[in-house]
PDB file of N, CA and C in Angstrom:
ATOM      1  N   MET A   1      25.719 -14.446  32.885  1.00  0.00           N
ATOM      2  CA  MET A   1      26.244 -15.147  31.541  1.00  0.00           C
ATOM      3  C   MET A   1      25.377 -14.637  30.457  1.00  0.00           C
ATOM      4  N   ASP A   2      26.217 -14.500  29.686  1.00  0.00           N
ATOM      5  CA  ASP A   2      25.397 -14.648  27.895  1.00  0.00           C
ATOM      6  C   ASP A   2      24.666 -15.683  27.507  1.00  0.00           C
ATOM      7  N   TRP A   3      25.424 -16.610  27.448  1.00  0.00           N
ATOM      8  CA  TRP A   3      24.811 -17.922  26.899  1.00  0.00           C
ATOM      9  C   TRP A   3      24.774 -18.894  27.964  1.00  0.00           C
ATOM     10  N   TYR A   4      24.173 -20.192  27.315  1.00  0.00           N
ATOM     11  CA  TYR A   4      24.230 -21.580  28.182  1.00  0.00           C
ATOM     12  C   TYR A   4      23.893 -23.160  27.436  1.00  0.00           C
ATOM     13  N   LEU A   5      24.359 -23.846  27.333  1.00  0.00           N
ATOM     14  CA  LEU A   5      23.947 -24.886  27.076  1.00  0.00           C
ATOM     15  C   LEU A   5      22.610 -25.619  26.833  1.00  0.00           C
ATOM     16  N   ASN A   6      21.314 -25.299  26.576  1.00  0.00           N
ATOM     17  CA  ASN A   6      20.355 -26.221  26.900  1.00  0.00           C
ATOM     18  C   ASN A   6      20.550 -28.042  27.252  1.00  0.00           C
ATOM     19  N   PRO A   7      19.110 -28.182  27.176  1.00  0.00           N
ATOM     20  CA  PRO A   7      19.463 -30.114  27.260  1.00  0.00           C
ATOM     21  C   PRO A   7      20.489 -30.818  25.953  1.00  0.00           C
ATOM     22  N   LYS A   8      19.557 -30.218  25.295  1.00  0.00           N
ATOM     23  CA  LYS A   8      20.134 -31.275  23.751  1.00  0.00           C
ATOM     24  C   LYS A   8      21.725 -30.846  23.339  1.00  0.00           C
ATOM     25  N   ARG A   9      22.370 -29.355  24.220  1.00  0.00           N
ATOM     26  CA  ARG A   9      23.433 -29.468  24.438  1.00  0.00           C
ATOM     27  C   ARG A   9      23.563 -28.109  23.030  1.00  0.00           C
ATOM     28  N   ILE A  10      22.473 -27.211  22.698  1.00  0.00           N
ATOM     29  CA  ILE A  10      22.524 -26.137  21.579  1.00  0.00           C
ATOM     30  C   ILE A  10      22.952 -25.173  22.674  1.00  0.00           C
ATOM     31  N   PRO A  11      23.802 -24.163  22.171  1.00  0.00           N
ATOM     32  CA  PRO A  11      24.160 -22.517  22.452  1.00  0.00           C
ATOM     33  C   PRO A  11      23.337 -21.741  22.468  1.00  0.00           C
ATOM     34  N   VAL A  12      22.395 -21.191  23.670  1.00  0.00           N
ATOM     35  CA  VAL A  12      21.682 -20.309  23.329  1.00  0.00           C
ATOM     36  C   VAL A  12      21.706 -18.958  24.436  1.00  0.00           C
ATOM     37  N   GLN A  13      21.097 -18.005  23.994  1.00  0.00           N
ATOM     38  CA  GLN A  13      21.439 -16.812  24.722  1.00  0.00           C
ATOM     39  C   GLN A  13      20.843 -16.680  25.839  1.00  0.00           C
ATOM     40  N   ALA A  14      20.972 -16.329  26.819  1.00  0.00           N
ATOM     41  CA  ALA A  14      20.376 -15.836  27.939  1.00  0.00           C
ATOM     42  C   ALA A  14      19.517 -14.393  28.169  1.00  0.00           C
ATOM     43  N   ALA A  15      18.679 -14.293  28.721  1.00  0.00           N
ATOM     44  CA  ALA A  15      17.718 -13.560  28.728  1.00  0.00           C
ATOM     45  C   ALA A  15      18.128 -12.272  29.785  1.00  0.00           C
ATOM     46  N   GLY A  16      18.818 -12.762  30.659  1.00  0.00           N
ATOM     47  CA  GLY A  16      19.081 -11.781  31.236  1.00  0.00           C
ATOM     48  C   GLY A  16      18.943 -11.252  32.517  1.00  0.00           C
ATOM     49  N   HIS A  17      17.736 -12.509  33.177  1.00  0.00           N
ATOM     50  CA  HIS A  17      16.930 -12.407  34.732  1.00  0.00           C
ATOM     51  C   HIS A  17      17.876 -12.775  35.582  1.00  0.00           C
ATOM     52  N   PHE A  18      17.651 -12.655  36.249  1.00  0.00           N
ATOM     53  CA  PHE A  18      18.066 -12.764  37.878  1.00  0.00           C
ATOM     54  C   PHE A  18      17.039 -12.458  38.923  1.00  0.00           C
ATOM     55  N   PHE A  19      17.411 -13.894  40.448  1.00  0.00           N
ATOM     56  CA  PHE A  19      15.990 -14.311  41.323  1.00  0.00           C
ATOM     57  C   PHE A  19      16.974 -13.865  41.807  1.00  0.00           C
ATOM     58  N   THR A  20      16.136 -13.580  43.184  1.00  0.00           N
ATOM     59  CA  THR A  20      16.315 -12.662  44.221  1.00  0.00           C
ATOM     60  C   THR A  20      15.405 -13.509  45.475  1.00  0.00           C
ATOM     61  N   ASN A  21      15.641 -13.397  47.211  1.00  0.00           N
ATOM     62  CA  ASN A  21      14.317 -13.648  47.769  1.00  0.00           C
ATOM     63  C   ASN A  21      13.541 -12.700  48.763  1.00  0.00           C
ATOM     64  N   PHE A  22      13.867 -11.368  48.031  1.00  0.00           N
ATOM     65  CA  PHE A  22      13.420  -9.845  48.711  1.00  0.00           C
ATOM     66  C   PHE A  22      11.529 -10.167  47.922  1.00  0.00           C
ATOM     67  N   PRO A  23      10.818 -10.218  48.882  1.00  0.00           N
ATOM     68  CA  PRO A  23       9.402  -9.791  48.381  1.00  0.00           C
ATOM     69  C   PRO A  23       9.729  -8.854  47.350  1.00  0.00           C
ATOM     70  N   ILE A  24       8.683  -9.083  46.574  1.00  0.00           N
ATOM     71  CA  ILE A  24       8.242  -7.613  46.099  1.00  0.00           C
ATOM     72  C   ILE A  24       6.844  -7.410  45.922  1.00  0.00           C
ATOM     73  N   LYS A  25       6.819  -6.371  46.703  1.00  0.00           N
ATOM     74  CA  LYS A  25       5.321  -5.302  46.941  1.00  0.00           C
ATOM     75  C   LYS A  25       4.291  -5.341  45.565  1.00  0.00           C
ATOM     76  N   ASP A  26       3.260  -5.175  46.161  1.00  0.00           N
ATOM     77  CA  ASP A  26       2.298  -5.158  44.811  1.00  0.00           C
ATOM     78  C   ASP A  26       2.234  -5.656  43.357  1.00  0.00           C
ATOM     79  N   ARG A  27       2.663  -6.997  43.594  1.00  0.00           N
ATOM     80  CA  ARG A  27       2.659  -8.095  42.415  1.00  0.00           C
ATOM     81  C   ARG A  27       1.222  -7.852  41.625  1.00  0.00           C
ATOM     82  N   PRO A  28       1.228  -7.411  40.957  1.00  0.00           N
ATOM     83  CA  PRO A  28      -0.464  -7.416  39.935  1.00  0.00           C
ATOM     84  C   PRO A  28      -0.561  -9.083  39.134  1.00  0.00           C
ATOM     85  N   ALA A  29       0.814  -8.974  38.580  1.00  0.00           N
ATOM     86  CA  ALA A  29       0.708 -10.472  37.935  1.00  0.00           C
ATOM     87  C   ALA A  29       0.476 -11.436  39.218  1.00  0.00           C
ATOM     88  N   ILE A  30       0.244 -11.892  39.951  1.00  0.00           N
ATOM     89  CA  ILE A  30       0.484 -13.085  40.910  1.00  0.00           C
ATOM     90  C   ILE A  30      -1.245 -13.550  40.059  1.00  0.00           C
ATOM     91  N   LYS A  31      -1.951 -12.469  39.822  1.00  0.00           N
ATOM     92  CA  LYS A  31      -3.680 -12.987  39.752  1.00  0.00           C
ATOM     93  C   LYS A  31      -3.750 -13.541  38.185  1.00  0.00           C
ATOM     94  N   ARG A  32      -2.684 -13.610  37.585  1.00  0.00           N
ATOM     95  CA  ARG A  32      -2.715 -14.388  35.694  1.00  0.00           C
ATOM     96  C   ARG A  32      -2.450 -15.658  36.540  1.00  0.00           C
ATOM     97  N   LEU A  33      -1.640 -16.506  37.801  1.00  0.00           N
ATOM     98  CA  LEU A  33      -1.053 -17.956  37.624  1.00  0.00           C
ATOM     99  C   LEU A  33      -2.353 -18.241  37.790  1.00  0.00           C
ATOM    100  N   LYS A  34      -2.543 -19.472  36.836  1.00  0.00           N
ATOM    101  CA  LYS A  34      -3.607 -20.314  37.270  1.00  0.00           C
ATOM    102  C   LYS A  34      -3.146 -21.733  38.376  1.00  0.00           C
ATOM    103  N   PHE A  35      -3.430 -22.251  39.328  1.00  0.00           N
ATOM    104  CA  PHE A  35      -3.359 -23.345  40.005  1.00  0.00           C
ATOM    105  C   PHE A  35      -4.623 -24.290  39.873  1.00  0.00           C
ATOM    106  N   VAL A  36      -4.664 -25.322  39.187  1.00  0.00           N
ATOM    107  CA  VAL A  36      -5.583 -26.416  38.622  1.00  0.00           C
ATOM    108  C   VAL A  36      -4.813 -27.453  39.103  1.00  0.00           C
ATOM    109  N   PRO A  37      -5.645 -28.574  39.059  1.00  0.00           N
ATOM    110  CA  PRO A  37      -4.864 -30.273  39.251  1.00  0.00           C
ATOM    111  C   PRO A  37      -4.791 -30.090  37.954  1.00  0.00           C
ATOM    112  N   LEU A  38      -3.739 -31.476  37.759  1.00  0.00           N
ATOM    113  CA  LEU A  38      -3.072 -31.476  35.969  1.00  0.00           C
ATOM    114  C   LEU A  38      -3.873 -31.846  35.008  1.00  0.00           C
ATOM    115  N   ASN A  39      -5.028 -32.693  35.175  1.00  0.00           N
ATOM    116  CA  ASN A  39      -5.718 -33.111  34.398  1.00  0.00           C
ATOM    117  C   ASN A  39      -6.846 -32.100  33.684  1.00  0.00           C
ATOM    118  N   GLU A  40      -6.985 -30.437  34.267  1.00  0.00           N
ATOM    119  CA  GLU A  40      -7.019 -29.837  33.433  1.00  0.00           C
ATOM    120  C   GLU A  40      -6.800 -29.129  33.017  1.00  0.00           C
ATOM    121  N   ILE A  41      -4.972 -29.382  32.935  1.00  0.00           N
ATOM    122  CA  ILE A  41      -4.422 -28.217  31.982  1.00  0.00           C
ATOM    123  C   ILE A  41      -4.751 -28.788  30.927  1.00  0.00           C
ATOM    124  N   PRO A  42      -5.020 -27.611  29.456  1.00  0.00           N
ATOM    125  CA  PRO A  42      -5.124 -28.152  28.267  1.00  0.00           C
ATOM    126  C   PRO A  42      -3.993 -28.744  27.554  1.00  0.00           C
ATOM    127  N   ASP A  43      -4.240 -30.010  27.151  1.00  0.00           N
ATOM    128  CA  ASP A  43      -2.310 -30.729  26.235  1.00  0.00           C
ATOM    129  C   ASP A  43      -1.539 -29.683  25.249  1.00  0.00           C
ATOM    130  N   VAL A  44      -1.948 -28.552  24.820  1.00  0.00           N
ATOM    131  CA  VAL A  44      -1.184 -27.891  24.334  1.00  0.00           C
ATOM    132  C   VAL A  44      -0.377 -27.009  25.169  1.00  0.00           C
ATOM    133  N   TYR A  45      -0.636 -26.937  26.661  1.00  0.00           N
ATOM    134  CA  TYR A  45       0.206 -26.313  27.531  1.00  0.00           C
ATOM    135  C   TYR A  45       1.530 -27.573  28.004  1.00  0.00           C
ATOM    136  N   GLN A  46       0.902 -28.492  27.824  1.00  0.00           N
ATOM    137  CA  GLN A  46       2.409 -28.975  28.646  1.00  0.00           C
ATOM    138  C   GLN A  46       1.957 -30.313  27.797  1.00  0.00           C
ATOM    139  N   GLN A  47       3.655 -30.618  28.220  1.00  0.00           N
ATOM    140  CA  GLN A  47       4.529 -31.421  27.406  1.00  0.00           C
ATOM    141  C   GLN A  47       5.626 -32.044  28.233  1.00  0.00           C
ATOM    142  N   TYR A  48       6.172 -33.090  27.515  1.00  0.00           N
ATOM    143  CA  TYR A  48       7.380 -33.828  28.493  1.00  0.00           C
ATOM    144  C   TYR A  48       8.811 -33.503  27.622  1.00  0.00           C
ATOM    145  N   ASP A  49      10.222 -33.178  28.198  1.00  0.00           N
ATOM    146  CA  ASP A  49      11.100 -32.943  27.504  1.00  0.00           C
ATOM    147  C   ASP A  49      11.695 -34.852  27.236  1.00  0.00           C
ATOM    148  N   ASP A  50      13.206 -34.718  26.918  1.00  0.00           N
ATOM    149  CA  ASP A  50      13.452 -35.698  26.567  1.00  0.00           C
ATOM    150  C   ASP A  50      13.870 -36.901  27.864  1.00  0.00           C
ATOM    151  N   SER A  51      13.727 -35.991  28.856  1.00  0.00           N
ATOM    152  CA  SER A  51      14.178 -36.774  30.482  1.00  0.00           C
ATOM    153  C   SER A  51      12.938 -36.602  30.917  1.00  0.00           C
ATOM    154  N   GLY A  52      11.444 -36.877  30.554  1.00  0.00           N
ATOM    155  CA  GLY A  52      10.837 -37.009  31.404  1.00  0.00           C
ATOM    156  C   GLY A  52      10.097 -35.757  32.368  1.00  0.00           C
ATOM    157  N   THR A  53      10.997 -34.071  32.431  1.00  0.00           N
ATOM    158  CA  THR A  53      10.330 -33.585  33.022  1.00  0.00           C
ATOM    159  C   THR A  53       8.874 -32.629  31.805  1.00  0.00           C
ATOM    160  N   LEU A  54       8.023 -33.081  33.528  1.00  0.00           N
ATOM    161  CA  LEU A  54       6.483 -32.147  32.566  1.00  0.00           C
ATOM    162  C   LEU A  54       7.126 -30.145  32.031  1.00  0.00           C
ATOM    163  N   LEU A  55       6.695 -30.050  31.302  1.00  0.00           N
ATOM    164  CA  LEU A  55       7.398 -28.261  31.100  1.00  0.00           C
ATOM    165  C   LEU A  55       5.141 -28.113  30.541  1.00  0.00           C
ATOM    166  N   VAL A  56       5.319 -27.369  31.791  1.00  0.00           N
ATOM    167  CA  VAL A  56       4.080 -26.023  31.709  1.00  0.00           C
ATOM    168  C   VAL A  56       4.445 -25.179  31.203  1.00  0.00           C
ATOM    169  N   ASP A  57       3.302 -23.905  30.495  1.00  0.00           N
ATOM    170  CA  ASP A  57       3.083 -22.891  29.648  1.00  0.00           C
ATOM    171  C   ASP A  57       2.031 -22.453  30.324  1.00  0.00           C
ATOM    172  N   ASN A  58       1.671 -21.059  29.333  1.00  0.00           N
ATOM    173  CA  ASN A  58       0.597 -20.148  29.655  1.00  0.00           C
ATOM    174  C   ASN A  58       0.508 -19.331  31.350  1.00  0.00           C
ATOM    175  N   SER A  59       0.638 -19.784  32.289  1.00  0.00           N
ATOM    176  CA  SER A  59       0.934 -19.309  33.722  1.00  0.00           C
ATOM    177  C   SER A  59       0.264 -20.702  33.965  1.00  0.00           C
ATOM    178  N   TYR A  60      -0.338 -22.065  33.217  1.00  0.00           N
ATOM    179  CA  TYR A  60      -0.699 -22.947  34.163  1.00  0.00           C
ATOM    180  C   TYR A  60       0.087 -23.797  35.242  1.00  0.00           C
ATOM    181  N   ILE A  61      -0.009 -23.384  36.942  1.00  0.00           N
ATOM    182  CA  ILE A  61       0.958 -24.578  37.312  1.00  0.00           C
ATOM    183  C   ILE A  61       0.374 -25.762  37.951  1.00  0.00           C
ATOM    184  N   PRO A  62       0.535 -26.840  37.604  1.00  0.00           N
ATOM    185  CA  PRO A  62      -0.448 -27.849  38.101  1.00  0.00           C
ATOM    186  C   PRO A  62      -0.297 -28.022  39.444  1.00  0.00           C
ATOM    187  N   ASN A  63      -1.487 -27.918  40.565  1.00  0.00           N
ATOM    188  CA  ASN A  63      -1.425 -28.347  42.117  1.00  0.00           C
ATOM    189  C   ASN A  63      -1.152 -29.398  42.768  1.00  0.00           C
ATOM    190  N   ASP A  64      -1.273 -30.425  41.908  1.00  0.00           N
ATOM    191  CA  ASP A  64      -1.423 -31.742  42.220  1.00  0.00           C
ATOM    192  C   ASP A  64      -0.053 -33.027  41.848  1.00  0.00           C
ATOM    193  N   TYR A  65       0.721 -32.509  41.447  1.00  0.00           N
ATOM    194  CA  TYR A  65       1.770 -32.511  40.705  1.00  0.00           C
ATOM    195  C   TYR A  65       2.778 -33.042  41.240  1.00  0.00           C
ATOM    196  N   ASN A  66       3.181 -33.893  41.777  1.00  0.00           N
ATOM    197  CA  ASN A  66       4.714 -33.873  43.211  1.00  0.00           C
ATOM    198  C   ASN A  66       5.731 -34.337  42.293  1.00  0.00           C
ATOM    199  N   LYS A  67       5.825 -34.353  41.215  1.00  0.00           N
ATOM    200  CA  LYS A  67       7.356 -34.488  40.973  1.00  0.00           C
ATOM    201  C   LYS A  67       8.228 -33.066  40.449  1.00  0.00           C
ATOM    202  N   PRO A  68       9.149 -33.012  40.518  1.00  0.00           N
ATOM    203  CA  PRO A  68       9.456 -31.384  39.731  1.00  0.00           C
ATOM    204  C   PRO A  68       9.292 -31.345  38.019  1.00  0.00           C
ATOM    205  N   PHE A  69       9.064 -30.096  38.153  1.00  0.00           N
ATOM    206  CA  PHE A  69       8.238 -30.015  36.865  1.00  0.00           C
ATOM    207  C   PHE A  69       8.737 -28.241  36.990  1.00  0.00           C
ATOM    208  N   ALA A  70       8.768 -28.138  34.845  1.00  0.00           N
ATOM    209  CA  ALA A  70       9.513 -26.674  34.814  1.00  0.00           C
ATOM    210  C   ALA A  70       8.581 -25.427  33.863  1.00  0.00           C
ATOM    211  N   VAL A  71       8.901 -24.432  34.419  1.00  0.00           N
ATOM    212  CA  VAL A  71       7.429 -23.494  33.942  1.00  0.00           C
ATOM    213  C   VAL A  71       8.912 -22.224  33.612  1.00  0.00           C
ATOM    214  N   SER A  72       8.229 -21.311  32.918  1.00  0.00           N
ATOM    215  CA  SER A  72       8.596 -20.459  32.239  1.00  0.00           C
ATOM    216  C   SER A  72       9.207 -19.296  33.310  1.00  0.00           C
ATOM    217  N   THR A  73      10.701 -18.490  32.901  1.00  0.00           N
ATOM    218  CA  THR A  73      10.714 -17.323  33.714  1.00  0.00           C
ATOM    219  C   THR A  73       8.994 -16.234  33.918  1.00  0.00           C
ATOM    220  N   ARG A  74       8.551 -16.340  33.038  1.00  0.00           N
ATOM    221  CA  ARG A  74       7.197 -15.558  33.764  1.00  0.00           C
ATOM    222  C   ARG A  74       6.132 -15.807  34.900  1.00  0.00           C
ATOM    223  N   GLN A  75       6.478 -17.500  34.885  1.00  0.00           N
ATOM    224  CA  GLN A  75       5.744 -17.434  36.327  1.00  0.00           C
ATOM    225  C   GLN A  75       6.676 -17.163  37.203  1.00  0.00           C
ATOM    226  N   ILE A  76       7.766 -17.550  37.396  1.00  0.00           N
ATOM    227  CA  ILE A  76       8.608 -17.003  38.554  1.00  0.00           C
ATOM    228  C   ILE A  76       8.197 -15.603  38.819  1.00  0.00           C
ATOM    229  N   LEU A  77       8.873 -14.708  37.521  1.00  0.00           N
ATOM    230  CA  LEU A  77       8.532 -13.576  38.149  1.00  0.00           C
ATOM    231  C   LEU A  77       6.865 -13.123  38.152  1.00  0.00           C
ATOM    232  N   ASN A  78       6.084 -13.820  38.415  1.00  0.00           N
ATOM    233  CA  ASN A  78       4.485 -13.795  38.407  1.00  0.00           C
ATOM    234  C   ASN A  78       4.416 -13.827  39.668  1.00  0.00           C
ATOM    235  N   GLY A  79       5.167 -14.781  40.436  1.00  0.00           N
ATOM    236  CA  GLY A  79       5.125 -14.727  41.849  1.00  0.00           C
ATOM    237  C   GLY A  79       5.347 -15.840  42.098  1.00  0.00           C
ATOM    238  N   VAL A  80       5.006 -17.201  41.626  1.00  0.00           N
ATOM    239  CA  VAL A  80       5.244 -18.885  41.699  1.00  0.00           C
ATOM    240  C   VAL A  80       6.081 -19.022  43.290  1.00  0.00           C
ATOM    241  N   LEU A  81       7.113 -18.443  43.288  1.00  0.00           N
ATOM    242  CA  LEU A  81       7.224 -18.547  44.333  1.00  0.00           C
ATOM    243  C   LEU A  81       7.083 -18.577  46.029  1.00  0.00           C
ATOM    244  N   GLU A  82       6.385 -16.633  45.412  1.00  0.00           N
ATOM    245  CA  GLU A  82       5.502 -16.291  47.025  1.00  0.00           C
ATOM    246  C   GLU A  82       4.184 -17.626  46.941  1.00  0.00           C
ATOM    247  N   CYS A  83       4.655 -18.437  46.157  1.00  0.00           N
ATOM    248  CA  CYS A  83       2.851 -19.016  46.430  1.00  0.00           C
ATOM    249  C   CYS A  83       3.579 -20.837  47.013  1.00  0.00           C
ATOM    250  N   GLY A  84       4.584 -20.554  47.435  1.00  0.00           N
ATOM    251  CA  GLY A  84       5.028 -22.037  48.479  1.00  0.00           C
ATOM    252  C   GLY A  84       6.012 -23.117  47.182  1.00  0.00           C
ATOM    253  N   TYR A  85       6.552 -22.446  45.772  1.00  0.00           N
ATOM    254  CA  TYR A  85       7.109 -23.283  45.119  1.00  0.00           C
ATOM    255  C   TYR A  85       8.317 -22.737  45.254  1.00  0.00           C
ATOM    256  N   GLU A  86       9.480 -24.320  44.871  1.00  0.00           N
ATOM    257  CA  GLU A  86      10.638 -23.969  45.176  1.00  0.00           C
ATOM    258  C   GLU A  86      11.718 -24.255  43.568  1.00  0.00           C
ATOM    259  N   ILE A  87      12.450 -23.596  43.527  1.00  0.00           N
ATOM    260  CA  ILE A  87      13.516 -23.525  42.731  1.00  0.00           C
ATOM    261  C   ILE A  87      14.817 -24.687  42.712  1.00  0.00           C
ATOM    262  N   PHE A  88      14.980 -25.635  42.198  1.00  0.00           N
ATOM    263  CA  PHE A  88      15.833 -26.516  42.480  1.00  0.00           C
ATOM    264  C   PHE A  88      16.392 -27.324  41.049  1.00  0.00           C
TER     265      PHE A  88
END
């Protein structure tokens, strides 16, 4: 897929990533993920979109947030799925 519609119905060019369930050996970037409570994530790196979904950035992952939240593709590639989180 080359283009997709974002939640505001604006066409955006896809970055060309794909996801797999194969484990990746020697993933060095997993150490960059920061698993912290939500109240310790700086306000600059947490925002809410129009539907109320939490958007986190800069490798911050809330470990005490029970609702779905959005992370960038970089965190997924860094190994957040191997730490017990799921995509849905």
